[in-house]
Amino acid sequence: MRSSNCASPSRKFTNKLVLYLGVFLLYLVGERVMHAFVSSEIVRKTQLEADQIAARQIQKTLQPETLEELAGYELGVLYEPFRAVEATTLT
């Protein structure tokens, strides 16, 4: 008579196969989630860079092209936009 604790070799194999398939499926799901996260981050950064370029162009148009000459003074213009500006939204 067999002990009830002993599983047959085919049942052990089936259990291992189910476990391996489950782990593999979890890996695939995790990979897809990570891919989606990375893709959305790339889109977000691309949009941010486009917004920064537009902001630089707008800021540059606000600068005077020429300065009035004042007797006894030497005037100059320096334009260096910030690389990034962060904003906080209040909800």
N, C-alpha and C. Protein backbone atom coordinates (compact mmCIF):
# COMPACT_ATOMS: atom_id res chain seq x y z
N MET A 1 0.83 -1.17 0.00
CA MET A 1 0.00 0.00 0.00
C MET A 1 0.88 1.24 0.00
N ARG A 2 0.49 2.22 -0.80
CA ARG A 2 1.27 3.46 -0.89
C ARG A 2 0.89 4.42 0.20
N SER A 3 1.87 5.23 0.54
CA SER A 3 1.62 6.30 1.49
C SER A 3 0.91 7.44 0.76
N SER A 4 0.00 8.14 1.43
CA SER A 4 -0.75 9.20 0.79
C SER A 4 0.12 10.45 0.55
N ASN A 5 1.28 10.55 1.20
CA ASN A 5 2.17 11.69 1.03
C ASN A 5 3.00 11.60 -0.24
N CYS A 6 3.15 10.44 -0.80
CA CYS A 6 3.99 10.26 -1.99
C CYS A 6 3.16 10.52 -3.23
N ALA A 7 3.64 11.45 -4.04
CA ALA A 7 2.98 11.73 -5.31
C ALA A 7 3.65 10.91 -6.39
N SER A 8 2.89 10.56 -7.41
CA SER A 8 3.47 9.77 -8.50
C SER A 8 4.45 10.65 -9.27
N PRO A 9 5.41 10.02 -9.97
CA PRO A 9 6.39 10.79 -10.74
C PRO A 9 5.73 11.67 -11.81
N SER A 10 4.66 11.19 -12.42
CA SER A 10 4.01 12.00 -13.45
C SER A 10 3.32 13.22 -12.81
N ARG A 11 2.80 13.06 -11.61
CA ARG A 11 2.16 14.18 -10.91
C ARG A 11 3.21 15.21 -10.50
N LYS A 12 4.38 14.76 -10.04
CA LYS A 12 5.46 15.68 -9.69
C LYS A 12 5.90 16.47 -10.92
N PHE A 13 6.02 15.75 -12.04
CA PHE A 13 6.41 16.42 -13.28
C PHE A 13 5.38 17.47 -13.67
N THR A 14 4.10 17.13 -13.57
CA THR A 14 3.02 18.06 -13.92
C THR A 14 3.05 19.28 -13.01
N ASN A 15 3.27 19.06 -11.72
CA ASN A 15 3.35 20.18 -10.77
C ASN A 15 4.51 21.11 -11.11
N LYS A 16 5.66 20.51 -11.43
CA LYS A 16 6.83 21.34 -11.79
C LYS A 16 6.57 22.10 -13.09
N LEU A 17 5.95 21.42 -14.05
CA LEU A 17 5.66 22.06 -15.33
C LEU A 17 4.73 23.24 -15.13
N VAL A 18 3.70 23.08 -14.32
CA VAL A 18 2.77 24.17 -14.04
C VAL A 18 3.50 25.31 -13.34
N LEU A 19 4.36 24.99 -12.40
CA LEU A 19 5.13 26.01 -11.70
C LEU A 19 6.04 26.77 -12.66
N TYR A 20 6.77 26.07 -13.50
CA TYR A 20 7.66 26.71 -14.48
C TYR A 20 6.88 27.58 -15.46
N LEU A 21 5.72 27.09 -15.93
CA LEU A 21 4.90 27.88 -16.85
C LEU A 21 4.37 29.14 -16.15
N GLY A 22 3.98 29.00 -14.90
CA GLY A 22 3.52 30.16 -14.14
C GLY A 22 4.60 31.21 -13.98
N VAL A 23 5.80 30.77 -13.64
CA VAL A 23 6.93 31.70 -13.49
C VAL A 23 7.24 32.36 -14.83
N PHE A 24 7.23 31.58 -15.90
CA PHE A 24 7.50 32.13 -17.23
C PHE A 24 6.45 33.17 -17.62
N LEU A 25 5.17 32.88 -17.36
CA LEU A 25 4.11 33.83 -17.67
C LEU A 25 4.25 35.11 -16.85
N LEU A 26 4.60 34.97 -15.57
CA LEU A 26 4.84 36.16 -14.74
C LEU A 26 5.99 36.99 -15.29
N TYR A 27 7.03 36.32 -15.76
CA TYR A 27 8.17 37.02 -16.37
C TYR A 27 7.72 37.80 -17.60
N LEU A 28 6.91 37.15 -18.46
CA LEU A 28 6.44 37.82 -19.67
C LEU A 28 5.57 39.03 -19.34
N VAL A 29 4.68 38.88 -18.38
CA VAL A 29 3.82 39.99 -17.98
C VAL A 29 4.68 41.13 -17.42
N GLY A 30 5.62 40.80 -16.57
CA GLY A 30 6.51 41.82 -16.01
C GLY A 30 7.30 42.54 -17.08
N GLU A 31 7.76 41.80 -18.06
CA GLU A 31 8.52 42.40 -19.16
C GLU A 31 7.65 43.37 -19.95
N ARG A 32 6.40 42.99 -20.20
CA ARG A 32 5.49 43.86 -20.96
C ARG A 32 5.15 45.12 -20.17
N VAL A 33 4.93 44.97 -18.88
CA VAL A 33 4.63 46.13 -18.05
C VAL A 33 5.83 47.08 -18.04
N MET A 34 7.01 46.54 -17.89
CA MET A 34 8.22 47.37 -17.88
C MET A 34 8.41 48.05 -19.23
N HIS A 35 8.16 47.35 -20.31
CA HIS A 35 8.27 47.93 -21.65
C HIS A 35 7.30 49.10 -21.81
N ALA A 36 6.07 48.91 -21.34
CA ALA A 36 5.08 49.98 -21.43
C ALA A 36 5.51 51.18 -20.59
N PHE A 37 6.06 50.94 -19.42
CA PHE A 37 6.52 52.03 -18.56
C PHE A 37 7.65 52.80 -19.23
N VAL A 38 8.62 52.09 -19.79
CA VAL A 38 9.75 52.74 -20.45
C VAL A 38 9.28 53.53 -21.67
N SER A 39 8.37 52.95 -22.43
CA SER A 39 7.84 53.65 -23.60
C SER A 39 7.13 54.94 -23.22
N SER A 40 6.31 54.89 -22.18
CA SER A 40 5.60 56.10 -21.76
C SER A 40 6.57 57.14 -21.22
N GLU A 41 7.63 56.70 -20.57
CA GLU A 41 8.65 57.64 -20.07
C GLU A 41 9.38 58.31 -21.22
N ILE A 42 9.67 57.57 -22.28
CA ILE A 42 10.32 58.15 -23.46
C ILE A 42 9.42 59.19 -24.11
N VAL A 43 8.13 58.88 -24.22
CA VAL A 43 7.18 59.84 -24.80
C VAL A 43 7.11 61.09 -23.94
N ARG A 44 7.07 60.91 -22.62
CA ARG A 44 7.00 62.06 -21.71
C ARG A 44 8.23 62.94 -21.84
N LYS A 45 9.41 62.33 -21.89
CA LYS A 45 10.64 63.11 -22.02
C LYS A 45 10.73 63.81 -23.36
N THR A 46 10.27 63.16 -24.41
CA THR A 46 10.27 63.78 -25.74
C THR A 46 9.36 65.01 -25.75
N GLN A 47 8.18 64.88 -25.13
CA GLN A 47 7.25 66.01 -25.05
C GLN A 47 7.85 67.14 -24.22
N LEU A 48 8.52 66.78 -23.12
CA LEU A 48 9.16 67.79 -22.28
C LEU A 48 10.24 68.55 -23.05
N GLU A 49 11.04 67.84 -23.81
CA GLU A 49 12.08 68.48 -24.61
C GLU A 49 11.48 69.41 -25.65
N ALA A 50 10.39 68.99 -26.29
CA ALA A 50 9.72 69.84 -27.28
C ALA A 50 9.16 71.09 -26.61
N ASP A 51 8.62 70.95 -25.42
CA ASP A 51 8.11 72.10 -24.67
C ASP A 51 9.24 73.06 -24.30
N GLN A 52 10.39 72.51 -23.92
CA GLN A 52 11.54 73.35 -23.57
C GLN A 52 12.05 74.12 -24.78
N ILE A 53 12.08 73.49 -25.93
CA ILE A 53 12.52 74.17 -27.16
C ILE A 53 11.56 75.31 -27.48
N ALA A 54 10.26 75.05 -27.37
CA ALA A 54 9.27 76.09 -27.64
C ALA A 54 9.42 77.24 -26.64
N ALA A 55 9.64 76.92 -25.37
CA ALA A 55 9.81 77.96 -24.35
C ALA A 55 11.05 78.81 -24.64
N ARG A 56 12.14 78.18 -25.07
CA ARG A 56 13.35 78.94 -25.41
C ARG A 56 13.09 79.91 -26.56
N GLN A 57 12.37 79.42 -27.56
CA GLN A 57 12.07 80.27 -28.71
C GLN A 57 11.19 81.46 -28.30
N ILE A 58 10.23 81.21 -27.45
CA ILE A 58 9.37 82.29 -26.97
C ILE A 58 10.18 83.30 -26.16
N GLN A 59 11.03 82.78 -25.26
CA GLN A 59 11.85 83.68 -24.43
C GLN A 59 12.78 84.51 -25.30
N LYS A 60 13.31 83.90 -26.33
CA LYS A 60 14.24 84.63 -27.20
C LYS A 60 13.54 85.77 -27.94
N THR A 61 12.27 85.58 -28.30
CA THR A 61 11.55 86.65 -28.99
C THR A 61 11.25 87.81 -28.06
N LEU A 62 11.29 87.59 -26.77
CA LEU A 62 11.04 88.66 -25.81
C LEU A 62 12.26 89.56 -25.59
N GLN A 63 13.42 89.10 -26.03
CA GLN A 63 14.65 89.89 -25.87
C GLN A 63 14.73 90.96 -26.96
N PRO A 64 15.17 92.15 -26.61
CA PRO A 64 15.30 93.19 -27.65
C PRO A 64 16.43 92.84 -28.61
N GLU A 65 16.21 93.17 -29.89
CA GLU A 65 17.24 92.89 -30.89
C GLU A 65 18.35 93.93 -30.85
N THR A 66 17.98 95.16 -30.58
CA THR A 66 18.98 96.23 -30.48
C THR A 66 18.70 97.04 -29.23
N LEU A 67 19.75 97.68 -28.74
CA LEU A 67 19.62 98.53 -27.56
C LEU A 67 19.85 99.98 -27.95
N GLU A 68 19.16 100.86 -27.26
CA GLU A 68 19.40 102.28 -27.49
C GLU A 68 20.77 102.64 -26.96
N GLU A 69 21.43 103.53 -27.64
CA GLU A 69 22.74 103.99 -27.17
C GLU A 69 22.54 105.11 -26.17
N LEU A 70 23.24 104.99 -25.06
CA LEU A 70 23.20 106.03 -24.04
C LEU A 70 24.61 106.60 -23.90
N ALA A 71 24.70 107.92 -23.92
CA ALA A 71 26.01 108.57 -23.82
C ALA A 71 26.68 108.21 -22.50
N GLY A 72 27.92 107.75 -22.59
CA GLY A 72 28.70 107.42 -21.40
C GLY A 72 28.49 106.00 -20.90
N TYR A 73 27.64 105.22 -21.57
CA TYR A 73 27.38 103.85 -21.13
C TYR A 73 27.59 102.88 -22.28
N GLU A 74 28.07 101.73 -21.93
CA GLU A 74 28.19 100.64 -22.91
C GLU A 74 27.24 99.53 -22.48
N LEU A 75 26.26 99.26 -23.31
CA LEU A 75 25.24 98.27 -22.97
C LEU A 75 25.45 97.00 -23.78
N GLY A 76 25.07 95.89 -23.20
CA GLY A 76 25.16 94.61 -23.89
C GLY A 76 24.00 93.71 -23.46
N VAL A 77 23.79 92.69 -24.22
CA VAL A 77 22.71 91.74 -23.93
C VAL A 77 23.31 90.35 -23.84
N LEU A 78 22.88 89.61 -22.83
CA LEU A 78 23.29 88.22 -22.67
C LEU A 78 22.02 87.39 -22.48
N TYR A 79 21.88 86.37 -23.29
CA TYR A 79 20.71 85.51 -23.19
C TYR A 79 21.17 84.09 -22.99
N GLU A 80 20.84 83.52 -21.84
CA GLU A 80 21.15 82.12 -21.54
C GLU A 80 19.91 81.50 -20.89
N PRO A 81 19.13 80.76 -21.65
CA PRO A 81 17.93 80.15 -21.05
C PRO A 81 18.31 79.02 -20.10
N PHE A 82 17.45 78.81 -19.12
CA PHE A 82 17.66 77.68 -18.22
C PHE A 82 17.49 76.40 -19.01
N ARG A 83 18.23 75.38 -18.61
CA ARG A 83 18.10 74.10 -19.28
C ARG A 83 16.73 73.49 -19.01
N ALA A 84 16.30 73.57 -17.75
CA ALA A 84 15.00 73.00 -17.40
C ALA A 84 14.37 73.83 -16.30
N VAL A 85 13.08 73.98 -16.38
CA VAL A 85 12.33 74.67 -15.36
C VAL A 85 11.22 73.73 -14.92
N GLU A 86 11.11 73.54 -13.62
CA GLU A 86 10.08 72.65 -13.12
C GLU A 86 8.94 73.46 -12.56
N ALA A 87 7.76 72.93 -12.70
CA ALA A 87 6.57 73.60 -12.17
C ALA A 87 5.83 72.64 -11.25
N THR A 88 5.18 73.22 -10.29
CA THR A 88 4.37 72.44 -9.36
C THR A 88 2.92 72.83 -9.56
N THR A 89 2.05 71.85 -9.66
CA THR A 89 0.63 72.15 -9.81
C THR A 89 -0.06 71.90 -8.48
N LEU A 90 -0.93 72.80 -8.13
CA LEU A 90 -1.69 72.66 -6.90
C LEU A 90 -3.07 72.14 -7.23
N THR A 91 -3.50 71.14 -6.49
CA THR A 91 -4.84 70.58 -6.74
C THR A 91 -5.73 70.82 -5.57
